């Protein structure tokens, strides 16, 4: 057996599963420290579906900790943004396009140094170790313990980033370093931004993963801990401590994977309505469709891997504003829903109150909303359905019909038919699809490299990349007998010598439980 947990802005869900069979589930309010909500959910799960801690082979957690830290600009470590590329790339220094609040949060420590490569691998300039020594002196004086190193075209040649990191850590033992070629893709500013975000989260990543481990031990669980990343696969706590950005958007990804399992649909539009937001994404071949454009995180443009998800501010805790038009969201009572909504004795009119008044769900005390104006209730619910259906329809890339799968506790806000969709599915256990998605997540391995075809065929190069991705999945904990290649992308690069191509291969396999 294994346990899946998803920590949302309003609720923390936990499920007990045996393979792909749900044995029990609970939903508890998320606490401000988040870890407390996990402890509460595990305790409740043990009461409703008793299990022996020794029978739990693994615990999988999807968390919003790191996304929230960036969006809210809190708990970010002062970080040195070091770019290798002089005399080129000095026109737009690091952090140029960052919001002031985030720039202040990471300390505005910007350094431009010599180094970097051209698009064809030629050096722009030699790495200057005297420059790095001056930076190390400055960081030591300021007490900055984290650095993000970005070199021009490091996805083509990562040599200088590694050399700079080695030089700085020799001078400043204990310095935490993130390297851009390990985080983002081609595109200097976006890759650099993603690396700075990752570096600024390294301290909080260690604290959070330790907190999760402590919460599990407090519940008597000695099972290995895995966290969900944003491509629908799992990584261990050590990996998250080095690369916390991989967990961004893990919540919507978990919901989509859970929706695919519960509905039996390998291709569908998933509408996940929580307490604060509605996330809409597309499942293609059983996995979330990845975004192909830049991704905005807290107002910062990045280019690391993310699912193609659109979020709108409508959820069960959304405030209902009554005027000439009825508007729902984007403001929300969040995890305070059970104390502020009218059906729970509060004085705030929420979307949940509308659903209860319309008889779409039974929560709290329906008598408290029995006298709500019928026209107000109808107009509010129609507004919710129209906005969500329009957003879901925008996610389709072809006129071919796709079913809409409704999940999340807030999906009770929607009717059984939606404009633009012939088929609407609300599967069993829909309210905890996110935790189910975390519990069934697989282990992945990815190869993203530029290879030359001199002396070998294209087929040989692709097969080598496939084998490398599969090997990475096995090393990450996948059962070798279940590993399969999920995606193969290749892009000819005409400007590089040697008939070069960029190859990206992703392989996934089931977690080898108990190993």
Protein backbone atom coordinates (compact mmCIF):
# COMPACT_ATOMS: atom_id res chain seq x y z
CA UNK A 1 0.00 0.00 0.00
CA UNK A 2 1.02 3.61 -0.47
CA UNK A 3 -0.27 7.04 0.51
CA UNK A 4 -0.76 10.07 -1.73
CA UNK A 5 -1.05 13.58 -0.27
CA UNK A 6 -1.78 16.85 -2.04
CA UNK A 7 -1.40 20.16 -0.21
CA UNK A 8 -3.62 22.84 -1.74
CA UNK A 9 -4.30 26.43 -0.81
CA UNK A 10 -7.56 25.44 0.93
CA UNK A 11 -7.46 21.69 1.62
CA UNK A 12 -4.93 18.96 2.23
CA UNK A 13 -6.11 15.66 0.74
CA UNK A 14 -4.78 12.20 1.56
CA UNK A 15 -5.59 8.82 -0.01
CA UNK A 16 -4.66 5.25 0.88
CA UNK A 17 -4.12 3.11 -2.21
CA UNK A 18 -3.29 -0.44 -3.15
CA UNK A 19 -1.91 -0.20 -6.68
CA UNK A 20 -4.55 1.83 -8.53
CA UNK A 21 -7.36 0.95 -6.10
CA UNK A 22 -8.49 3.63 -3.65
CA UNK A 23 -8.91 2.16 -0.16
CA UNK A 24 -9.75 5.38 1.66
CA UNK A 25 -9.57 9.15 1.41
CA UNK A 26 -9.86 12.24 3.62
CA UNK A 27 -9.91 15.99 3.13
CA UNK A 28 -8.66 18.34 5.84
CA UNK A 29 -8.11 22.09 5.96
CA UNK A 30 -4.63 23.26 5.03
CA UNK A 31 -2.88 24.92 7.95
CA UNK A 32 -0.70 28.02 7.74
CA UNK A 33 2.42 25.98 8.46
CA UNK A 34 1.13 23.36 5.92
CA UNK A 35 2.98 20.55 7.71
CA UNK A 36 0.29 20.57 10.41
CA UNK A 37 -2.36 19.92 7.76
CA UNK A 38 -0.42 16.86 6.58
CA UNK A 39 -0.29 15.48 10.11
CA UNK A 40 -4.04 16.06 10.53
CA UNK A 41 -4.80 14.36 7.20
CA UNK A 42 -2.65 11.31 8.03
CA UNK A 43 -4.28 10.97 11.43
CA UNK A 44 -7.76 11.18 9.91
CA UNK A 45 -6.84 8.69 7.19
CA UNK A 46 -5.70 6.21 9.81
CA UNK A 47 -8.99 6.60 11.67
CA UNK A 48 -11.26 6.19 8.64
CA UNK A 49 -9.19 3.53 6.86
CA UNK A 50 -7.03 1.78 9.46
CA UNK A 51 -3.64 0.59 8.25
CA UNK A 52 -0.40 -0.63 9.76
CA UNK A 53 2.46 1.85 9.26
CA UNK A 54 4.73 -1.07 8.36
CA UNK A 55 2.47 -1.87 5.37
CA UNK A 56 3.03 1.53 3.75
CA UNK A 57 5.67 1.17 1.04
CA UNK A 58 5.92 4.86 0.10
CA UNK A 59 4.39 8.28 0.66
CA UNK A 60 3.98 10.72 -2.26
CA UNK A 61 3.36 14.43 -1.61
CA UNK A 62 2.38 17.21 -3.99
CA UNK A 63 2.98 20.63 -2.48
CA UNK A 64 2.44 24.31 -3.27
CA UNK A 65 5.12 25.45 -0.80
CA UNK A 66 7.67 26.58 -3.35
CA UNK A 67 5.25 28.19 -5.79
CA UNK A 68 3.65 30.13 -2.96
CA UNK A 69 7.05 31.30 -1.68
CA UNK A 70 7.82 32.92 -5.05
CA UNK A 71 4.33 34.30 -5.69
CA UNK A 72 4.23 35.85 -2.22
CA UNK A 73 7.92 36.84 -2.20
CA UNK A 74 8.62 35.27 1.18
CA UNK A 75 11.28 32.92 2.57
CA UNK A 76 13.54 33.53 -0.44
CA UNK A 77 17.27 33.44 0.29
CA UNK A 78 19.54 36.35 -0.72
CA UNK A 79 21.04 35.08 -3.98
CA UNK A 80 23.97 36.16 -6.13
CA UNK A 81 23.01 36.28 -9.83
CA UNK A 82 26.27 35.60 -11.69
CA UNK A 83 26.31 35.78 -15.49
CA UNK A 84 29.29 34.61 -17.56
CA UNK A 85 29.44 36.35 -20.93
CA UNK A 86 31.42 39.63 -20.95
CA UNK A 87 32.04 41.55 -23.09
CA UNK A 88 28.70 40.35 -24.55
CA UNK A 89 25.24 40.38 -22.88
CA UNK A 90 25.80 43.43 -20.68
CA UNK A 91 22.85 45.42 -22.03
CA UNK A 92 20.24 43.61 -19.93
CA UNK A 93 21.81 42.50 -16.64
CA UNK A 94 20.28 39.75 -14.46
CA UNK A 95 17.01 40.60 -12.62
CA UNK A 96 16.21 43.35 -15.17
CA UNK A 97 12.65 42.17 -15.80
CA UNK A 98 11.85 41.15 -12.20
CA UNK A 99 9.10 42.82 -10.14
CA UNK A 100 10.59 45.14 -7.51
CA UNK A 101 9.25 43.06 -4.61
CA UNK A 102 10.96 39.88 -5.84
CA UNK A 103 14.15 41.68 -6.77
CA UNK A 104 14.31 43.04 -3.23
CA UNK A 105 13.48 39.62 -1.77
CA UNK A 106 16.52 37.96 -3.40
CA UNK A 107 18.82 40.88 -2.55
CA UNK A 108 19.66 42.40 -5.95
CA UNK A 109 23.21 40.94 -5.95
CA UNK A 110 24.14 41.08 -9.66
CA UNK A 111 27.55 40.21 -11.14
CA UNK A 112 28.68 40.24 -14.79
CA UNK A 113 31.82 38.23 -15.57
CA UNK A 114 33.88 37.12 -18.54
CA UNK A 115 33.19 33.72 -20.06
CA UNK A 116 30.41 32.08 -22.07
CA UNK A 117 30.16 30.51 -25.52
CA UNK A 118 28.76 31.35 -28.93
CA UNK A 119 25.87 29.37 -30.38
CA UNK A 120 28.33 27.09 -32.15
CA UNK A 121 30.37 26.31 -29.03
CA UNK A 122 33.20 28.82 -29.57
CA UNK A 123 34.37 30.72 -26.48
CA UNK A 124 33.27 34.34 -26.11
CA UNK A 125 36.07 34.95 -23.61
CA UNK A 126 38.14 33.07 -21.05
CA UNK A 127 36.84 32.59 -17.52
CA UNK A 128 38.54 35.13 -15.22
CA UNK A 129 39.27 33.57 -11.83
CA UNK A 130 40.29 36.93 -10.36
CA UNK A 131 36.74 38.17 -11.04
CA UNK A 132 35.34 35.11 -9.27
CA UNK A 133 37.67 35.68 -6.30
CA UNK A 134 36.37 39.25 -5.94
CA UNK A 135 32.80 37.98 -6.08
CA UNK A 136 33.57 35.39 -3.39
CA UNK A 137 35.04 38.13 -1.15
CA UNK A 138 31.93 40.25 -1.68
CA UNK A 139 29.52 37.40 -0.94
CA UNK A 140 31.44 36.43 2.18
CA UNK A 141 31.33 40.03 3.43
CA UNK A 142 27.58 40.33 2.72
CA UNK A 143 26.74 36.90 4.15
CA UNK A 144 25.16 35.68 0.87
CA UNK A 145 25.15 31.86 0.95
CA UNK A 146 23.42 31.10 -2.37
CA UNK A 147 24.43 31.72 -5.99
CA UNK A 148 22.90 31.19 -9.45
CA UNK A 149 25.42 30.85 -12.28
CA UNK A 150 24.35 31.37 -15.90
CA UNK A 151 26.64 31.21 -18.89
CA UNK A 152 25.73 32.21 -22.44
CA UNK A 153 24.71 29.10 -24.41
CA UNK A 154 25.52 26.76 -21.53
CA UNK A 155 23.03 24.15 -22.90
CA UNK A 156 25.52 23.85 -25.77
CA UNK A 157 28.60 23.86 -23.53
CA UNK A 158 28.27 23.74 -19.74
CA UNK A 159 32.02 23.72 -19.03
CA UNK A 160 32.32 27.29 -17.75
CA UNK A 161 29.35 27.07 -15.38
CA UNK A 162 30.87 24.01 -13.75
CA UNK A 163 34.32 25.59 -13.56
CA UNK A 164 32.93 28.79 -12.01
CA UNK A 165 30.92 26.81 -9.45
CA UNK A 166 34.01 24.81 -8.48
CA UNK A 167 36.08 27.99 -8.06
CA UNK A 168 33.45 29.74 -5.91
CA UNK A 169 32.79 26.77 -3.64
CA UNK A 170 36.52 26.35 -3.06
CA UNK A 171 36.68 29.96 -1.88
CA UNK A 172 33.34 29.83 -0.03
CA UNK A 173 32.76 26.34 1.40
CA UNK A 174 29.07 25.79 2.04
CA UNK A 175 27.94 28.08 -0.80
CA UNK A 176 24.79 26.67 -2.43
CA UNK A 177 24.97 26.90 -6.22
CA UNK A 178 22.42 26.39 -9.01
CA UNK A 179 23.65 26.03 -12.61
CA UNK A 180 21.46 27.22 -15.46
CA UNK A 181 22.14 24.33 -17.85
CA UNK A 182 20.60 22.00 -15.25
CA UNK A 183 17.45 24.11 -14.84
CA UNK A 184 16.26 25.78 -18.06
CA UNK A 185 16.60 25.58 -21.80
CA UNK A 186 17.89 27.76 -24.65
CA UNK A 187 17.12 31.44 -24.00
CA UNK A 188 19.49 33.30 -21.68
CA UNK A 189 17.17 35.60 -19.69
CA UNK A 190 14.43 33.02 -19.11
CA UNK A 191 16.92 30.27 -18.23
CA UNK A 192 18.77 32.65 -15.93
CA UNK A 193 15.54 33.68 -14.21
CA UNK A 194 14.58 30.06 -13.57
CA UNK A 195 18.03 29.40 -12.10
CA UNK A 196 17.87 32.39 -9.76
CA UNK A 197 14.41 31.28 -8.56
CA UNK A 198 15.72 27.76 -7.94
CA UNK A 199 18.75 29.03 -6.02
CA UNK A 200 16.67 31.37 -3.86
CA UNK A 201 14.51 28.39 -2.80
CA UNK A 202 17.36 26.07 -1.79
CA UNK A 203 17.29 27.00 1.90
CA UNK A 204 13.52 26.70 2.23
CA UNK A 205 13.62 23.42 0.25
CA UNK A 206 15.84 21.84 2.89
CA UNK A 207 13.60 23.08 5.69
CA UNK A 208 10.38 21.92 4.04
CA UNK A 209 11.58 18.44 3.10
CA UNK A 210 12.88 17.96 6.63
CA UNK A 211 9.48 19.09 7.91
CA UNK A 212 7.72 16.55 5.69
CA UNK A 213 10.00 13.78 6.94
CA UNK A 214 9.33 14.81 10.53
CA UNK A 215 5.57 14.82 9.89
CA UNK A 216 5.71 11.27 8.52
CA UNK A 217 7.76 10.04 11.45
CA UNK A 218 5.33 11.76 13.81
CA UNK A 219 2.57 9.67 12.22
CA UNK A 220 4.63 6.52 12.75
CA UNK A 221 5.54 6.14 9.07
CA UNK A 222 9.04 5.05 8.13
CA UNK A 223 8.29 4.73 4.40
CA UNK A 224 10.40 6.56 1.79
CA UNK A 225 9.17 10.04 0.85
CA UNK A 226 8.69 11.18 -2.75
CA UNK A 227 7.50 14.53 -4.05
CA UNK A 228 5.58 15.22 -7.25
CA UNK A 229 7.21 17.24 -9.98
CA UNK A 230 5.46 19.17 -12.68
CA UNK A 231 5.69 16.56 -15.44
CA UNK A 232 3.63 13.99 -13.56
CA UNK A 233 6.56 11.98 -12.20
CA UNK A 234 8.17 11.58 -8.78
CA UNK A 235 11.51 12.60 -7.31
CA UNK A 236 12.97 11.91 -3.89
CA UNK A 237 13.45 14.53 -1.18
CA UNK A 238 17.18 14.87 -1.90
CA UNK A 239 16.46 15.85 -5.50
CA UNK A 240 13.91 18.48 -4.42
CA UNK A 241 16.48 19.97 -2.06
CA UNK A 242 18.67 20.66 -5.12
CA UNK A 243 15.96 21.51 -7.66
CA UNK A 244 12.84 22.82 -5.88
CA UNK A 245 11.51 24.45 -9.08
CA UNK A 246 10.57 21.01 -10.44
CA UNK A 247 7.61 21.00 -8.04
CA UNK A 248 6.02 24.13 -9.56
CA UNK A 249 2.49 23.34 -10.84
CA UNK A 250 2.69 19.83 -9.39
CA UNK A 251 -0.82 20.26 -7.95
CA UNK A 252 -2.60 20.70 -11.30
CA UNK A 253 -0.44 17.95 -12.78
CA UNK A 254 -1.49 15.53 -10.03
CA UNK A 255 -5.12 16.40 -10.59
CA UNK A 256 -4.84 15.71 -14.32
CA UNK A 257 -3.12 12.36 -13.78
CA UNK A 258 -5.73 11.41 -11.18
CA UNK A 259 -8.53 12.49 -13.51
CA UNK A 260 -7.13 10.33 -16.32
CA UNK A 261 -7.06 7.27 -14.05
CA UNK A 262 -10.49 7.80 -12.49
CA UNK A 263 -12.23 8.55 -15.80
CA UNK A 264 -10.36 6.02 -17.93
CA UNK A 265 -9.68 8.78 -20.49
CA UNK A 266 -6.19 8.97 -22.01
CA UNK A 267 -7.11 12.15 -23.94
CA UNK A 268 -9.35 14.76 -22.32
CA UNK A 269 -9.68 18.27 -20.95
CA UNK A 270 -9.39 18.28 -17.16
CA UNK A 271 -11.15 20.93 -15.09
CA UNK A 272 -9.87 20.92 -11.51
CA UNK A 273 -11.80 23.23 -9.18
CA UNK A 274 -10.35 23.72 -5.73
CA UNK A 275 -11.15 26.15 -2.99
CA UNK A 276 -9.28 29.09 -4.51
CA UNK A 277 -8.68 28.50 -8.22
CA UNK A 278 -9.80 26.46 -11.21
CA UNK A 279 -6.97 24.84 -13.16
CA UNK A 280 -7.65 23.70 -16.72
CA UNK A 281 -5.26 21.43 -18.61
CA UNK A 282 -5.17 18.77 -21.29
CA UNK A 283 -4.28 15.10 -20.94
CA UNK A 284 -2.63 13.67 -24.06
CA UNK A 285 -1.65 10.01 -24.03
CA UNK A 286 -2.25 9.78 -20.29
CA UNK A 287 0.12 12.62 -19.34
CA UNK A 288 -0.32 16.40 -19.05
CA UNK A 289 0.41 18.33 -22.24
CA UNK A 290 3.59 20.39 -21.68
CA UNK A 291 3.69 24.13 -22.24
CA UNK A 292 5.57 25.22 -25.36
CA UNK A 293 5.89 28.89 -24.46
CA UNK A 294 7.55 30.89 -21.71
CA UNK A 295 6.04 30.37 -18.27
CA UNK A 296 5.34 33.27 -15.92
CA UNK A 297 6.10 32.55 -12.26
CA UNK A 298 5.20 35.38 -9.90
CA UNK A 299 5.75 37.94 -12.67
CA UNK A 300 9.09 36.45 -13.79
CA UNK A 301 9.51 34.90 -17.26
CA UNK A 302 11.09 31.44 -17.16
CA UNK A 303 11.59 28.58 -19.61
CA UNK A 304 11.89 25.42 -17.52
CA UNK A 305 9.54 22.47 -18.04
CA UNK A 306 5.94 23.15 -17.01
CA UNK A 307 2.52 21.68 -17.88
CA UNK A 308 0.20 23.66 -20.13
CA UNK A 309 -2.28 24.84 -17.49
CA UNK A 310 -4.50 27.92 -17.34
CA UNK A 311 -5.70 29.04 -13.91
CA UNK A 312 -8.61 31.36 -13.15
CA UNK A 313 -9.68 32.70 -9.79
CA UNK A 314 -12.83 30.65 -9.26
CA UNK A 315 -13.19 28.06 -6.51
CA UNK A 316 -15.41 26.93 -3.67
CA UNK A 317 -14.13 29.75 -1.47
CA UNK A 318 -14.50 32.49 -4.10
CA UNK A 319 -16.30 35.62 -2.94
CA UNK A 320 -19.58 36.52 -4.65
CA UNK A 321 -19.86 40.23 -5.49
CA UNK A 322 -23.42 41.37 -6.12
CA UNK A 323 -23.99 44.43 -8.31
CA UNK A 324 -25.52 45.07 -11.69
CA UNK A 325 -23.76 41.83 -12.64
CA UNK A 326 -22.96 38.93 -10.33
CA UNK A 327 -19.20 38.30 -10.24
CA UNK A 328 -17.51 35.32 -8.61
CA UNK A 329 -13.79 35.51 -7.67
CA UNK A 330 -10.92 36.06 -7.93
CA UNK A 331 -10.85 36.94 -4.22
CA UNK A 332 -11.28 33.91 -1.98
CA UNK A 333 -11.55 33.02 1.70
CA UNK A 334 -9.11 30.16 1.01
CA UNK A 335 -8.57 27.69 3.83
CA UNK A 336 -10.89 29.78 6.05
CA UNK A 337 -13.90 28.53 4.05
CA UNK A 338 -15.23 26.44 6.95
CA UNK A 339 -15.38 29.46 9.23
CA UNK A 340 -16.35 32.29 6.87
CA UNK A 341 -18.86 30.79 4.38
CA UNK A 342 -22.51 31.31 5.30
CA UNK A 343 -23.34 27.59 5.31
CA UNK A 344 -20.70 27.17 8.03
CA UNK A 345 -21.97 30.04 10.16
CA UNK A 346 -19.90 32.84 8.68
CA UNK A 347 -21.01 36.11 7.12
CA UNK A 348 -19.30 35.88 3.72
CA UNK A 349 -21.20 34.88 0.59
CA UNK A 350 -19.10 32.35 -1.32
CA UNK A 351 -19.49 30.15 -4.39
CA UNK A 352 -20.05 27.19 -2.06
CA UNK A 353 -23.08 28.97 -0.60
CA UNK A 354 -24.54 29.28 -4.10
CA UNK A 355 -24.04 25.57 -4.82
CA UNK A 356 -25.67 24.56 -1.53
CA UNK A 357 -28.57 26.95 -2.08
CA UNK A 358 -29.15 25.40 -5.52
CA UNK A 359 -29.13 21.88 -4.09
CA UNK A 360 -25.99 20.90 -6.04
CA UNK A 361 -24.20 19.69 -2.90
CA UNK A 362 -24.81 19.16 0.82
CA UNK A 363 -22.40 21.02 3.05
CA UNK A 364 -22.74 22.76 6.38
CA UNK A 365 -26.23 24.00 7.25
CA UNK A 366 -28.37 24.50 4.10
CA UNK A 367 -30.94 26.43 6.16
CA UNK A 368 -28.49 29.34 6.40
CA UNK A 369 -28.76 29.95 2.63
CA UNK A 370 -32.35 28.81 2.08
CA UNK A 371 -33.54 32.40 1.69
CA UNK A 372 -30.94 33.48 -0.86
CA UNK A 373 -32.51 35.19 -3.88
CA UNK A 374 -33.12 32.47 -6.51
CA UNK A 375 -32.18 34.80 -9.37
CA UNK A 376 -28.90 35.70 -7.63
CA UNK A 377 -28.06 32.01 -7.20
CA UNK A 378 -28.86 31.20 -10.83
CA UNK A 379 -26.90 34.14 -12.24
CA UNK A 380 -23.89 33.38 -10.04
CA UNK A 381 -23.74 29.70 -11.02
CA UNK A 382 -24.29 30.55 -14.70
CA UNK A 383 -21.38 32.99 -14.51
CA UNK A 384 -19.14 30.29 -13.03
CA UNK A 385 -20.10 27.70 -15.68
CA UNK A 386 -19.72 30.15 -18.59
CA UNK A 387 -16.27 31.37 -17.58
CA UNK A 388 -14.90 27.90 -16.86
CA UNK A 389 -16.35 26.39 -20.06
CA UNK A 390 -14.86 29.22 -22.16
CA UNK A 391 -11.45 28.66 -20.58
CA UNK A 392 -11.65 24.90 -21.16
CA UNK A 393 -12.66 25.41 -24.79
CA UNK A 394 -9.62 27.65 -25.35
CA UNK A 395 -7.31 24.77 -24.34
CA UNK A 396 -8.36 22.65 -27.31
CA UNK A 397 -5.99 22.70 -30.28
CA UNK A 398 -8.27 20.96 -32.80
CA UNK A 399 -11.99 20.73 -33.56
CA UNK A 400 -11.98 17.04 -32.61
CA UNK A 401 -14.32 16.38 -29.65
CA UNK A 402 -12.68 15.91 -26.28
CA UNK A 403 -14.51 14.91 -23.09
CA UNK A 404 -14.33 17.25 -20.10
CA UNK A 405 -13.44 15.56 -16.81
CA UNK A 406 -14.46 17.41 -13.63
CA UNK A 407 -12.39 16.87 -10.48
CA UNK A 408 -11.63 18.69 -7.26
CA UNK A 409 -13.92 19.40 -4.35
CA UNK A 410 -15.11 22.60 -5.98
CA UNK A 411 -16.35 20.81 -9.12
CA UNK A 412 -19.77 20.62 -7.44
CA UNK A 413 -20.13 24.20 -8.69
CA UNK A 414 -20.58 22.95 -12.25
CA UNK A 415 -23.62 21.26 -13.84
CA UNK A 416 -23.44 17.93 -15.66
CA UNK A 417 -23.44 19.68 -19.06
CA UNK A 418 -21.06 22.41 -20.25
CA UNK A 419 -21.28 24.63 -23.33
CA UNK A 420 -18.98 23.33 -26.07
CA UNK A 421 -18.55 19.81 -24.67
CA UNK A 422 -20.59 16.80 -25.77
CA UNK A 423 -19.41 14.66 -22.87
CA UNK A 424 -18.84 15.69 -19.25
CA UNK A 425 -17.49 13.13 -16.78
CA UNK A 426 -17.49 13.48 -12.99
CA UNK A 427 -15.74 10.27 -11.86
CA UNK A 428 -15.83 8.58 -8.47
CA UNK A 429 -13.42 10.03 -5.87
CA UNK A 430 -13.36 13.23 -7.95
CA UNK A 431 -12.83 15.38 -4.84
CA UNK A 432 -9.41 13.84 -4.10
CA UNK A 433 -8.14 13.31 -7.66
CA UNK A 434 -5.09 15.42 -6.85
CA UNK A 435 -3.94 13.11 -4.06
CA UNK A 436 -4.68 10.08 -6.25
CA UNK A 437 -2.52 11.59 -8.99
CA UNK A 438 0.33 11.97 -6.52
CA UNK A 439 -0.08 8.38 -5.35
CA UNK A 440 0.03 6.86 -8.85
CA UNK A 441 2.79 9.10 -10.20
CA UNK A 442 5.58 7.31 -12.00
CA UNK A 443 9.32 7.85 -12.03
CA UNK A 444 10.88 9.59 -15.01
CA UNK A 445 14.21 10.11 -16.71
CA UNK A 446 14.95 12.76 -19.31
CA UNK A 447 17.74 13.39 -21.80
CA UNK A 448 18.03 16.87 -23.34
CA UNK A 449 21.25 17.28 -25.27
CA UNK A 450 22.84 18.40 -28.52
CA UNK A 451 24.46 15.54 -30.43
CA UNK A 452 26.51 15.38 -33.61
CA UNK A 453 25.74 12.84 -36.31
CA UNK A 454 29.30 12.67 -37.63
CA UNK A 455 30.35 9.01 -37.82
CA UNK A 456 26.92 7.61 -36.91
CA UNK A 457 23.37 7.52 -38.16
CA UNK A 458 20.39 9.48 -36.88
CA UNK A 459 18.77 6.23 -35.72
CA UNK A 460 21.85 5.33 -33.65
CA UNK A 461 21.89 8.76 -31.99
CA UNK A 462 18.19 8.56 -31.12
CA UNK A 463 18.54 5.02 -29.78
CA UNK A 464 21.43 6.14 -27.57
CA UNK A 465 19.27 8.96 -26.19
CA UNK A 466 16.34 6.57 -25.59
CA UNK A 467 18.62 4.21 -23.67
CA UNK A 468 20.03 7.10 -21.65
CA UNK A 469 16.57 8.35 -20.64
CA UNK A 470 15.47 4.83 -19.67
CA UNK A 471 18.62 4.36 -17.60
CA UNK A 472 17.96 7.65 -15.79
CA UNK A 473 14.41 6.50 -14.95
CA UNK A 474 15.74 3.22 -13.51
CA UNK A 475 18.38 5.06 -11.46
CA UNK A 476 15.61 7.31 -10.11
CA UNK A 477 13.74 4.24 -8.81
CA UNK A 478 11.64 2.93 -11.69
CA UNK A 479 10.97 -0.77 -12.13
CA UNK A 480 13.04 -1.68 -15.24
CA UNK A 481 10.27 -3.92 -16.58
CA UNK A 482 7.80 -1.02 -16.72
CA UNK A 483 9.97 1.70 -18.30
CA UNK A 484 8.74 3.07 -21.62
CA UNK A 485 9.76 6.04 -23.74
CA UNK A 486 7.02 8.65 -23.60
CA UNK A 487 8.33 11.48 -25.78
CA UNK A 488 11.03 11.91 -28.43
CA UNK A 489 11.71 15.38 -29.84
CA UNK A 490 14.49 16.21 -32.25
CA UNK A 491 15.43 19.56 -33.74
CA UNK A 492 18.10 19.96 -36.46
CA UNK A 493 20.50 22.81 -35.63
CA UNK A 494 21.77 24.20 -38.91
CA UNK A 495 24.12 26.74 -37.36
CA UNK A 496 26.25 24.12 -35.54
CA UNK A 497 28.96 22.19 -37.35
CA UNK A 498 28.96 18.40 -37.69
CA UNK A 499 25.32 17.89 -38.68
CA UNK A 500 24.10 18.49 -35.12
CA UNK A 501 20.63 17.91 -33.70
CA UNK A 502 19.05 18.66 -30.36
CA UNK A 503 17.42 15.56 -28.86
CA UNK A 504 15.01 15.44 -25.95
CA UNK A 505 13.74 12.05 -24.75
CA UNK A 506 11.53 11.35 -21.75
CA UNK A 507 11.06 7.86 -20.30
CA UNK A 508 8.78 6.83 -17.42
CA UNK A 509 8.20 3.73 -15.36
CA UNK A 510 6.34 2.58 -12.25
CA UNK A 511 8.00 3.25 -8.91
CA UNK A 512 9.64 0.08 -7.59
CA UNK A 513 7.90 0.01 -4.21
CA UNK A 514 9.68 -1.60 -1.31
CA UNK A 515 13.08 -1.42 -2.99
